[in-house]
Protein backbone atom coordinates (compact mmCIF):
# COMPACT_ATOMS: atom_id res chain seq x y z
CA UNK A 1 -46.08 21.25 5.94
CA UNK A 2 -45.30 17.48 5.54
CA UNK A 3 -45.23 16.17 2.08
CA UNK A 4 -48.55 14.12 3.58
CA UNK A 5 -50.35 16.97 4.26
CA UNK A 6 -49.92 18.54 0.37
CA UNK A 7 -50.77 14.84 -0.81
CA UNK A 8 -47.53 14.71 -2.43
CA UNK A 9 -46.44 11.59 -0.83
CA UNK A 10 -42.30 10.67 -0.68
CA UNK A 11 -43.10 8.82 -3.77
CA UNK A 12 -45.17 11.43 -5.56
CA UNK A 13 -42.37 14.38 -4.52
CA UNK A 14 -39.58 11.63 -6.18
CA UNK A 15 -41.90 11.67 -9.33
CA UNK A 16 -42.11 15.34 -9.34
CA UNK A 17 -38.25 15.57 -9.17
CA UNK A 18 -37.25 13.14 -11.86
CA UNK A 19 -39.96 14.10 -14.64
CA UNK A 20 -37.41 15.06 -17.26
CA UNK A 21 -36.79 11.31 -17.04
CA UNK A 22 -40.56 10.32 -16.50
CA UNK A 23 -42.43 10.95 -20.13
CA UNK A 24 -40.02 9.16 -22.38
CA UNK A 25 -41.12 10.46 -25.46
CA UNK A 26 -44.77 10.55 -25.12
CA UNK A 27 -46.01 14.12 -26.06
CA UNK A 28 -49.52 15.86 -25.07
CA UNK A 29 -50.73 14.64 -28.23
CA UNK A 30 -51.14 11.48 -26.64
CA UNK A 31 -53.75 12.15 -23.65
CA UNK A 32 -55.65 14.78 -26.28
CA UNK A 33 -56.08 12.05 -28.81
CA UNK A 34 -57.26 9.57 -26.34
CA UNK A 35 -59.67 12.25 -25.07
CA UNK A 36 -61.02 13.26 -28.50
CA UNK A 37 -61.41 9.55 -29.91
CA UNK A 38 -63.28 8.87 -26.75
CA UNK A 39 -65.64 11.58 -26.77
CA UNK A 40 -66.33 11.33 -30.41
CA UNK A 41 -67.23 7.50 -30.11
CA UNK A 42 -68.90 7.80 -27.22
CA UNK A 43 -71.04 10.77 -28.37
CA UNK A 44 -72.23 9.04 -31.43
CA UNK A 45 -72.76 5.56 -29.51
CA UNK A 46 -75.19 8.06 -27.46
CA UNK A 47 -77.04 9.45 -30.26
CA UNK A 48 -77.42 6.08 -31.48
CA UNK A 49 -79.14 4.94 -28.87
CA UNK A 50 -81.21 7.92 -28.00
CA UNK A 51 -82.66 7.55 -31.96
CA UNK A 52 -83.32 3.89 -31.21
CA UNK A 53 -84.78 4.19 -27.90
CA UNK A 54 -87.36 6.50 -29.32
CA UNK A 55 -88.63 4.14 -31.74
CA UNK A 56 -91.78 2.52 -30.63
CA UNK A 57 -90.92 -0.94 -32.42
CA UNK A 58 -87.99 -1.09 -30.15
CA UNK A 59 -89.56 -1.57 -26.91
CA UNK A 60 -88.29 -4.98 -26.54
CA UNK A 61 -84.82 -3.68 -26.84
CA UNK A 62 -85.30 -0.91 -24.28
CA UNK A 63 -83.55 -2.79 -21.30
CA UNK A 64 -80.32 -3.57 -23.68
CA UNK A 65 -80.42 0.37 -25.03
CA UNK A 66 -80.49 1.11 -21.54
CA UNK A 67 -77.84 -0.72 -20.69
CA UNK A 68 -75.47 0.29 -23.54
CA UNK A 69 -76.62 3.90 -23.25
CA UNK A 70 -75.26 3.98 -20.07
CA UNK A 71 -72.25 2.42 -20.65
CA UNK A 72 -71.56 4.79 -23.20
CA UNK A 73 -72.48 7.78 -20.57
CA UNK A 74 -70.20 6.11 -17.73
CA UNK A 75 -66.96 5.86 -20.36
CA UNK A 76 -67.78 9.54 -21.79
CA UNK A 77 -67.94 11.39 -18.38
CA UNK A 78 -64.87 8.96 -17.59
CA UNK A 79 -63.16 11.09 -20.50
CA UNK A 80 -64.43 14.38 -19.40
CA UNK A 81 -63.64 14.16 -15.85
CA UNK A 82 -60.12 12.67 -15.88
CA UNK A 83 -58.25 13.83 -19.37
CA UNK A 84 -58.09 17.23 -18.69
CA UNK A 85 -56.05 16.37 -15.49
CA UNK A 86 -53.74 14.60 -17.38
CA UNK A 87 -53.40 17.01 -20.35
CA UNK A 88 -52.81 19.89 -17.73
CA UNK A 89 -50.07 17.66 -15.90
CA UNK A 90 -48.44 17.06 -19.35
CA UNK A 91 -48.48 20.66 -19.85
CA UNK A 92 -46.72 21.33 -16.44
CA UNK A 93 -43.79 19.38 -17.58
CA UNK A 94 -45.29 16.06 -15.71
CA UNK A 95 -45.10 18.08 -12.53
CA UNK A 96 -48.30 16.68 -10.80
CA UNK A 97 -47.17 18.74 -7.40
CA UNK A 98 -47.03 21.96 -9.67
CA UNK A 99 -50.89 22.20 -10.49
CA UNK A 100 -52.26 20.25 -6.89
CA UNK A 101 -50.20 20.98 -4.02
CA UNK A 102 -52.95 20.19 -1.50
CA UNK A 103 -53.44 16.70 -2.81
CA UNK A 104 -57.54 17.20 -3.11
CA UNK A 105 -57.06 17.14 -7.00
CA UNK A 106 -55.33 13.88 -6.47
CA UNK A 107 -58.14 12.31 -4.49
CA UNK A 108 -60.41 13.36 -7.01
CA UNK A 109 -58.63 11.57 -9.74
CA UNK A 110 -58.87 8.65 -8.00
CA UNK A 111 -62.15 8.53 -6.98
CA UNK A 112 -62.84 9.04 -10.97
CA UNK A 113 -60.61 6.32 -12.01
CA UNK A 114 -61.96 3.99 -9.35
CA UNK A 115 -65.87 4.92 -9.87
CA UNK A 116 -65.62 4.75 -13.65
CA UNK A 117 -63.24 1.98 -13.89
CA UNK A 118 -65.72 -0.42 -11.84
CA UNK A 119 -68.69 0.80 -13.11
CA UNK A 120 -67.39 0.15 -16.65
CA UNK A 121 -67.09 -3.66 -15.54
CA UNK A 122 -69.91 -3.81 -13.49
CA UNK A 123 -72.46 -2.48 -16.57
CA UNK A 124 -70.33 -4.83 -19.07
CA UNK A 125 -71.06 -7.66 -16.49
CA UNK A 126 -74.85 -6.82 -16.54
CA UNK A 127 -75.17 -6.04 -20.34
CA UNK A 128 -73.41 -9.87 -20.89
CA UNK A 129 -75.72 -11.33 -18.03
CA UNK A 130 -78.84 -9.67 -19.96
CA UNK A 131 -78.04 -11.07 -23.16
CA UNK A 132 -77.54 -14.44 -21.81
CA UNK A 133 -81.01 -14.39 -20.23
CA UNK A 134 -82.67 -13.20 -23.48
CA UNK A 135 -80.96 -16.20 -25.13
CA UNK A 136 -80.91 -18.82 -23.02
CA UNK A 137 -84.63 -18.29 -21.42
CA UNK A 138 -86.25 -15.97 -23.53
CA UNK A 139 -90.01 -16.66 -22.15
CA UNK A 140 -88.54 -15.67 -18.49
CA UNK A 141 -86.79 -12.58 -20.34
CA UNK A 142 -89.76 -11.30 -21.71
CA UNK A 143 -91.99 -11.71 -18.91
CA UNK A 144 -89.84 -10.41 -16.08
CA UNK A 145 -87.07 -8.17 -17.54
CA UNK A 146 -88.82 -4.72 -17.37
CA UNK A 147 -87.25 -0.94 -17.94
CA UNK A 148 -88.06 -0.32 -14.06
CA UNK A 149 -85.52 -3.36 -13.09
CA UNK A 150 -83.17 -2.14 -15.67
CA UNK A 151 -83.08 1.60 -14.20
CA UNK A 152 -82.83 0.06 -10.42
CA UNK A 153 -80.00 -1.97 -11.61
CA UNK A 154 -78.45 0.73 -13.29
CA UNK A 155 -79.03 3.32 -10.18
CA UNK A 156 -77.48 0.43 -7.92
CA UNK A 157 -74.27 -0.20 -10.24
CA UNK A 158 -73.32 3.39 -10.29
CA UNK A 159 -74.07 4.06 -6.77
CA UNK A 160 -71.79 1.26 -5.77
CA UNK A 161 -69.18 2.58 -7.57
CA UNK A 162 -69.27 6.04 -6.19
CA UNK A 163 -69.51 4.48 -2.64
CA UNK A 164 -66.36 2.49 -2.64
CA UNK A 165 -64.62 5.09 -4.47
CA UNK A 166 -65.05 7.39 -1.27
CA UNK A 167 -63.50 5.04 0.94
CA UNK A 168 -60.17 6.95 1.08
CA UNK A 169 -61.89 9.95 1.55
CA UNK A 170 -63.35 8.60 4.56
CA UNK A 171 -59.77 7.41 5.49
CA UNK A 172 -59.80 3.52 4.52
CA UNK A 173 -57.21 3.07 1.96
CA UNK A 174 -55.64 5.79 -0.32
CA UNK A 175 -55.00 7.18 -3.66
CA UNK A 176 -51.53 8.41 -4.47
CA UNK A 177 -49.79 9.87 -7.52
CA UNK A 178 -48.48 7.08 -10.01
CA UNK A 179 -45.26 7.14 -12.29
CA UNK A 180 -44.56 9.34 -14.42
CA UNK A 181 -46.76 11.71 -12.15
CA UNK A 182 -49.63 12.24 -14.28
CA UNK A 183 -52.06 10.22 -12.33
CA UNK A 184 -53.33 9.17 -9.45
CA UNK A 185 -54.61 5.51 -8.21
CA UNK A 186 -54.88 3.40 -5.39
CA UNK A 187 -52.05 2.59 -3.30
CA UNK A 188 -50.41 -0.62 -3.27
CA UNK A 189 -47.48 -1.62 -0.99
CA UNK A 190 -46.80 -0.39 2.35
CA UNK A 191 -49.04 2.35 2.92
CA UNK A 192 -49.91 3.96 6.82
CA UNK A 193 -53.47 4.65 5.70
CA UNK A 194 -55.71 1.93 7.54
CA UNK A 195 -57.53 -0.19 5.63
CA UNK A 196 -55.85 0.16 2.37
CA UNK A 197 -54.64 -3.32 1.91
CA UNK A 198 -58.46 -4.00 2.31
CA UNK A 199 -59.39 -1.42 -0.22
CA UNK A 200 -57.03 -2.51 -2.51
CA UNK A 201 -57.81 -6.16 -2.63
CA UNK A 202 -61.87 -5.40 -3.02
CA UNK A 203 -60.88 -3.41 -5.87
CA UNK A 204 -58.78 -6.15 -7.53
CA UNK A 205 -61.78 -8.98 -6.27
CA UNK A 206 -64.37 -6.97 -7.81
CA UNK A 207 -63.00 -6.20 -11.28
CA UNK A 208 -61.55 -9.82 -11.64
CA UNK A 209 -65.14 -11.12 -10.79
CA UNK A 210 -67.20 -8.91 -12.67
CA UNK A 211 -64.39 -9.67 -15.69
CA UNK A 212 -65.18 -13.58 -14.90
CA UNK A 213 -69.02 -13.02 -14.85
CA UNK A 214 -68.91 -11.26 -18.44
CA UNK A 215 -66.89 -13.96 -19.82
CA UNK A 216 -68.78 -16.45 -18.63
CA UNK A 217 -72.36 -14.89 -19.42
CA UNK A 218 -70.94 -14.41 -23.09
CA UNK A 219 -69.73 -17.60 -23.69
CA UNK A 220 -73.58 -18.85 -22.37
CA UNK A 221 -74.83 -16.48 -25.11
CA UNK A 222 -72.47 -17.72 -27.74
CA UNK A 223 -73.47 -21.61 -26.97
CA UNK A 224 -77.38 -20.77 -26.93
CA UNK A 225 -77.00 -19.08 -30.57
CA UNK A 226 -75.37 -21.91 -31.91
CA UNK A 227 -77.89 -24.30 -30.21
CA UNK A 228 -80.85 -22.09 -31.65
CA UNK A 229 -79.11 -21.85 -35.22
CA UNK A 230 -78.63 -25.48 -35.51
CA UNK A 231 -82.35 -25.75 -35.08
CA UNK A 232 -82.94 -23.61 -37.75
CA UNK A 233 -81.20 -24.94 -40.32
CA UNK A 234 -82.50 -25.07 -43.84
CA UNK A 235 -82.48 -23.98 -47.00
CA UNK A 236 -85.00 -21.23 -46.39
CA UNK A 237 -84.50 -17.57 -46.81
CA UNK A 238 -85.11 -16.71 -42.71
CA UNK A 239 -82.60 -19.56 -42.11
CA UNK A 240 -79.41 -18.33 -43.71
CA UNK A 241 -80.48 -14.78 -42.37
CA UNK A 242 -80.57 -16.32 -38.92
CA UNK A 243 -77.18 -18.06 -39.56
CA UNK A 244 -75.76 -14.72 -40.88
CA UNK A 245 -77.12 -12.45 -37.92
CA UNK A 246 -75.65 -16.01 -35.55
CA UNK A 247 -72.28 -15.56 -36.88
CA UNK A 248 -72.09 -11.82 -36.94
CA UNK A 249 -73.39 -11.68 -33.21
CA UNK A 250 -71.06 -14.51 -31.98
CA UNK A 251 -68.01 -12.76 -33.71
CA UNK A 252 -69.18 -9.46 -31.90
CA UNK A 253 -69.13 -11.43 -28.61
CA UNK A 254 -65.73 -12.58 -29.16
CA UNK A 255 -64.73 -9.35 -30.02
CA UNK A 256 -66.32 -7.90 -26.36
CA UNK A 257 -64.30 -10.80 -24.79
CA UNK A 258 -61.06 -9.78 -26.20
CA UNK A 259 -60.93 -6.36 -25.75
CA UNK A 260 -61.96 -7.28 -22.29
CA UNK A 261 -59.12 -9.40 -21.61
CA UNK A 262 -56.80 -6.91 -23.30
CA UNK A 263 -58.01 -3.87 -21.77
CA UNK A 264 -58.68 -5.14 -18.14
CA UNK A 265 -56.41 -8.08 -17.45
CA UNK A 266 -53.12 -6.27 -17.23
CA UNK A 267 -54.20 -3.48 -14.77
CA UNK A 268 -56.09 -6.38 -12.22
CA UNK A 269 -53.09 -8.86 -12.56
CA UNK A 270 -50.74 -5.84 -11.96
CA UNK A 271 -52.65 -4.98 -8.98
CA UNK A 272 -52.72 -8.63 -7.46
CA UNK A 273 -49.16 -8.52 -8.32
CA UNK A 274 -48.36 -5.55 -6.26
CA UNK A 275 -50.64 -6.83 -3.60
CA UNK A 276 -49.47 -10.18 -2.83
CA UNK A 277 -45.95 -8.87 -2.91
CA UNK A 278 -46.78 -5.40 -1.21
CA UNK A 279 -44.80 -3.73 -4.07
CA UNK A 280 -45.62 -0.37 -4.68
CA UNK A 281 -47.10 0.38 -8.24
CA UNK A 282 -43.90 3.09 -8.61
CA UNK A 283 -41.34 0.06 -8.09
CA UNK A 284 -43.30 -1.36 -11.36
CA UNK A 285 -43.70 1.83 -12.85
CA UNK A 286 -43.29 0.80 -16.87
CA UNK A 287 -46.10 -2.08 -16.55
CA UNK A 288 -48.29 -0.30 -14.45
CA UNK A 289 -48.27 2.60 -17.11
CA UNK A 290 -49.01 0.21 -19.70
CA UNK A 291 -51.74 -1.29 -17.84
CA UNK A 292 -53.63 1.69 -16.94
CA UNK A 293 -53.22 2.89 -20.53
CA UNK A 294 -54.89 -0.22 -22.03
CA UNK A 295 -57.52 -0.08 -19.23
CA UNK A 296 -58.28 3.57 -20.52
CA UNK A 297 -58.20 2.72 -23.91
CA UNK A 298 -61.18 0.59 -23.11
CA UNK A 299 -63.31 3.42 -22.72
CA UNK A 300 -62.88 4.44 -26.32
CA UNK A 301 -63.02 0.85 -27.54
CA UNK A 302 -66.49 0.06 -25.75
CA UNK A 303 -68.77 2.03 -28.19
CA UNK A 304 -67.01 0.39 -31.15
CA UNK A 305 -67.22 -3.12 -30.15
CA UNK A 306 -70.87 -2.70 -28.61
CA UNK A 307 -72.67 -0.58 -30.96
CA UNK A 308 -70.73 1.11 -33.65
CA UNK A 309 -69.41 -1.68 -35.35
CA UNK A 310 -72.26 -3.71 -35.62
CA UNK A 311 -74.14 -0.56 -37.00
CA UNK A 312 -71.65 -0.55 -39.79
CA UNK A 313 -71.73 -4.28 -40.51
CA UNK A 314 -75.32 -4.57 -40.59
CA UNK A 315 -75.30 -1.60 -43.13
CA UNK A 316 -72.86 -3.36 -45.01
CA UNK A 317 -74.99 -6.64 -44.86
CA UNK A 318 -78.16 -4.52 -46.00
CA UNK A 319 -76.52 -3.43 -48.72
CA UNK A 320 -74.97 -6.26 -50.16
CA UNK A 321 -78.25 -8.30 -49.69
CA UNK A 322 -80.09 -5.85 -51.60
CA UNK A 323 -77.67 -5.65 -54.86
CA UNK A 324 -77.41 -9.78 -54.93
CA UNK A 325 -81.52 -10.17 -53.71
CA UNK A 326 -83.10 -6.96 -55.10
CA UNK A 327 -86.76 -8.06 -53.65
CA UNK A 328 -88.82 -5.06 -51.69
CA UNK A 329 -90.21 -8.17 -48.99
CA UNK A 330 -86.10 -8.85 -48.36
CA UNK A 331 -85.21 -5.14 -48.22
CA UNK A 332 -88.07 -4.47 -45.38
CA UNK A 333 -86.78 -7.30 -43.51
CA UNK A 334 -83.28 -6.18 -43.90
CA UNK A 335 -84.12 -3.03 -42.73
CA UNK A 336 -86.09 -4.50 -39.74
CA UNK A 337 -82.69 -6.22 -39.00
CA UNK A 338 -80.68 -3.05 -39.13
CA UNK A 339 -82.66 -1.57 -36.82
CA UNK A 340 -82.18 -3.87 -34.35
CA UNK A 341 -80.59 -1.63 -32.02
């Protein structure tokens, strides 16, 4: 049986043989802590979304809630389906071939990485587009943005991401074990697999395009919020509350943009560099490992930047406002703001 038959390519075998120098000082506690943090954060986000979705007064927010709940669900499954494999490899002393001598687990891991990576980016783009339409064209949004359209969009995103990730299974592209032997991903550099360059380039282009769409739509949303805030300037209580909410939303959107850029730009840039120079990921192993860890960190940060931190900030805002203005009408209005999600 050849190396290719076992799924352990020459690069993979080299990783297995040099495992003692691959992992550095990183212990199994690192992937375990990332998995636990991601599962807890996304589970809390799903609970909050479910509670908000059941409220009758949140009918106009159901499209947004479906998007953010789907993102949390995607990130949650991404953690649950990949982290146990990584932990198993760490427990096997970073020897992937010890737990996968057929190569099927490597293909499974590659499919998961590609599917959940692209779906997270696509969902972020869809949410940014939904927010931009709601702010810049509220009348069209209220008349045309129905939950049925949202559900179709979500189904299309998941199907597109999953079908694209299956291309290497059908013979177009290839998934290979990557340094330090704890994960599998799209092969770059020279490969005997037909269509490998096409598959890898398409992944990078789709990722970069999604990132640009998200950033552009968030900029449009921030601009729209600032314009609407200027039209509502005044000394009234409602104007001041609108200014506070606008400031908070702009800060949240800037946070989302920073998280996306920090987490995804290194991996997409590394993939683009590897493809243009025909460099294998193993030749830039440390850079690639850092990039994939940052991309994995996005699954942990998503529920916080999109939902949980907003809930915490709004709760503090309500408490502080009640202290300085203990009026029942103001308190009721602030509760309505708090149940925005």
